[in-house]
């Protein structure tokens, strides 16, 4: 994986986690919006090393 690809994966993971935080701060139960945001984080984690999560 090239350095630019790694940086892009890290940025995508960071953006996904921020989105999940924003979505989850407004709700008290699992909604379709929350589940979609959580799925995005899970997908982004696959491209980021465990120590960067």
N, C-alpha and C. Protein backbone atom coordinates (compact mmCIF):
# COMPACT_ATOMS: atom_id res chain seq x y z
N UNK A 1 0.85 -1.17 0.00
CA UNK A 1 0.00 0.00 0.00
C UNK A 1 0.90 1.23 0.00
N UNK A 2 0.64 2.13 -0.91
CA UNK A 2 1.44 3.36 -1.02
C UNK A 2 1.12 4.30 0.14
N UNK A 3 2.05 5.19 0.39
CA UNK A 3 1.88 6.13 1.50
C UNK A 3 0.62 6.97 1.33
N UNK A 4 0.34 7.42 0.11
CA UNK A 4 -0.86 8.22 -0.14
C UNK A 4 -2.12 7.41 0.15
N UNK A 5 -2.09 6.11 -0.20
CA UNK A 5 -3.24 5.24 0.08
C UNK A 5 -3.44 5.07 1.58
N UNK A 6 -2.35 4.92 2.31
CA UNK A 6 -2.43 4.77 3.76
C UNK A 6 -3.00 6.02 4.39
N UNK A 7 -2.53 7.18 3.96
CA UNK A 7 -3.04 8.44 4.49
C UNK A 7 -4.52 8.61 4.19
N UNK A 8 -4.93 8.24 2.97
CA UNK A 8 -6.34 8.35 2.60
C UNK A 8 -7.18 7.41 3.46
N UNK A 9 -6.69 6.21 3.72
CA UNK A 9 -7.42 5.26 4.56
C UNK A 9 -7.55 5.78 5.98
N UNK A 10 -6.50 6.38 6.49
CA UNK A 10 -6.54 6.95 7.85
C UNK A 10 -7.53 8.10 7.91
N UNK A 11 -7.52 8.96 6.90
CA UNK A 11 -8.45 10.09 6.87
C UNK A 11 -9.90 9.61 6.75
N UNK A 12 -10.14 8.60 5.95
CA UNK A 12 -11.49 8.04 5.81
C UNK A 12 -11.97 7.46 7.13
N UNK A 13 -11.09 6.75 7.82
CA UNK A 13 -11.44 6.17 9.12
C UNK A 13 -11.77 7.27 10.13
N UNK A 14 -10.96 8.31 10.14
CA UNK A 14 -11.18 9.43 11.06
C UNK A 14 -12.52 10.11 10.76
N UNK A 15 -12.81 10.33 9.49
CA UNK A 15 -14.08 10.96 9.10
C UNK A 15 -15.26 10.07 9.47
N UNK A 16 -15.12 8.77 9.27
CA UNK A 16 -16.20 7.83 9.61
C UNK A 16 -16.45 7.82 11.11
N UNK A 17 -15.39 7.83 11.91
CA UNK A 17 -15.57 7.84 13.37
C UNK A 17 -16.20 9.15 13.84
N UNK A 18 -15.81 10.26 13.24
CA UNK A 18 -16.41 11.55 13.61
C UNK A 18 -17.90 11.57 13.25
N UNK A 19 -18.23 11.01 12.10
CA UNK A 19 -19.63 10.94 11.70
C UNK A 19 -20.42 10.06 12.67
N UNK A 20 -19.86 8.93 13.05
CA UNK A 20 -20.53 8.05 14.01
C UNK A 20 -20.73 8.76 15.34
N UNK A 21 -19.74 9.49 15.79
CA UNK A 21 -19.86 10.24 17.04
C UNK A 21 -20.97 11.29 16.96
N UNK A 22 -21.04 11.98 15.83
CA UNK A 22 -22.07 12.99 15.64
C UNK A 22 -23.46 12.35 15.63
N UNK A 23 -23.60 11.25 14.92
CA UNK A 23 -24.89 10.57 14.83
C UNK A 23 -25.30 10.00 16.19
N UNK A 24 -24.37 9.36 16.87
CA UNK A 24 -24.70 8.70 18.13
C UNK A 24 -24.95 9.69 19.27
N UNK A 25 -24.46 10.89 19.16
CA UNK A 25 -24.69 11.87 20.23
C UNK A 25 -26.13 12.37 20.24
N UNK A 26 -26.85 12.20 19.13
CA UNK A 26 -28.23 12.69 19.02
C UNK A 26 -29.28 11.66 19.40
N UNK A 27 -28.89 10.38 19.53
CA UNK A 27 -29.88 9.33 19.69
C UNK A 27 -29.64 8.51 20.95
N UNK A 28 -30.66 7.76 21.35
CA UNK A 28 -30.52 6.87 22.51
C UNK A 28 -30.73 5.42 22.13
N UNK A 29 -31.03 5.15 20.86
CA UNK A 29 -31.20 3.77 20.41
C UNK A 29 -30.64 3.62 19.00
N UNK A 30 -30.49 2.40 18.57
CA UNK A 30 -29.94 2.14 17.25
C UNK A 30 -30.97 2.47 16.17
N UNK A 31 -30.61 3.37 15.29
CA UNK A 31 -31.46 3.74 14.17
C UNK A 31 -30.77 3.31 12.88
N UNK A 32 -31.48 3.33 11.76
CA UNK A 32 -30.82 3.01 10.49
C UNK A 32 -29.64 3.94 10.19
N UNK A 33 -29.77 5.21 10.57
CA UNK A 33 -28.68 6.16 10.36
C UNK A 33 -27.45 5.77 11.19
N UNK A 34 -27.68 5.38 12.43
CA UNK A 34 -26.58 4.95 13.29
C UNK A 34 -25.93 3.68 12.74
N UNK A 35 -26.74 2.71 12.33
CA UNK A 35 -26.20 1.47 11.80
C UNK A 35 -25.39 1.70 10.54
N UNK A 36 -25.84 2.62 9.67
CA UNK A 36 -25.08 2.94 8.46
C UNK A 36 -23.75 3.59 8.80
N UNK A 37 -23.76 4.50 9.78
CA UNK A 37 -22.51 5.15 10.21
C UNK A 37 -21.56 4.13 10.83
N UNK A 38 -22.10 3.21 11.61
CA UNK A 38 -21.27 2.17 12.23
C UNK A 38 -20.68 1.25 11.17
N UNK A 39 -21.47 0.88 10.17
CA UNK A 39 -20.96 0.05 9.08
C UNK A 39 -19.84 0.75 8.32
N UNK A 40 -19.96 2.07 8.17
CA UNK A 40 -18.91 2.84 7.49
C UNK A 40 -17.60 2.78 8.27
N UNK A 41 -17.69 2.87 9.59
CA UNK A 41 -16.49 2.78 10.43
C UNK A 41 -15.86 1.39 10.31
N UNK A 42 -16.69 0.37 10.36
CA UNK A 42 -16.18 -1.00 10.25
C UNK A 42 -15.47 -1.22 8.92
N UNK A 43 -16.07 -0.71 7.84
CA UNK A 43 -15.45 -0.86 6.52
C UNK A 43 -14.13 -0.10 6.44
N UNK A 44 -14.09 1.09 7.03
CA UNK A 44 -12.88 1.91 6.99
C UNK A 44 -11.76 1.29 7.83
N UNK A 45 -12.12 0.61 8.91
CA UNK A 45 -11.11 -0.01 9.79
C UNK A 45 -10.31 -1.09 9.08
N UNK A 46 -10.88 -1.71 8.09
CA UNK A 46 -10.20 -2.81 7.39
C UNK A 46 -8.96 -2.33 6.66
N UNK A 47 -8.86 -1.04 6.36
CA UNK A 47 -7.72 -0.50 5.62
C UNK A 47 -6.72 0.24 6.51
N UNK A 48 -6.96 0.21 7.84
CA UNK A 48 -6.11 0.93 8.77
C UNK A 48 -5.51 -0.07 9.76
N UNK A 49 -4.21 0.01 10.04
CA UNK A 49 -3.61 -0.90 11.02
C UNK A 49 -4.26 -0.74 12.39
N UNK A 50 -4.24 -1.79 13.18
CA UNK A 50 -4.92 -1.77 14.48
C UNK A 50 -4.38 -0.68 15.41
N UNK A 51 -3.09 -0.36 15.30
CA UNK A 51 -2.52 0.64 16.21
C UNK A 51 -2.88 2.07 15.82
N UNK A 52 -3.52 2.27 14.65
CA UNK A 52 -3.94 3.60 14.21
C UNK A 52 -5.42 3.84 14.49
N UNK A 53 -6.14 2.84 14.99
CA UNK A 53 -7.58 2.96 15.20
C UNK A 53 -7.90 3.69 16.45
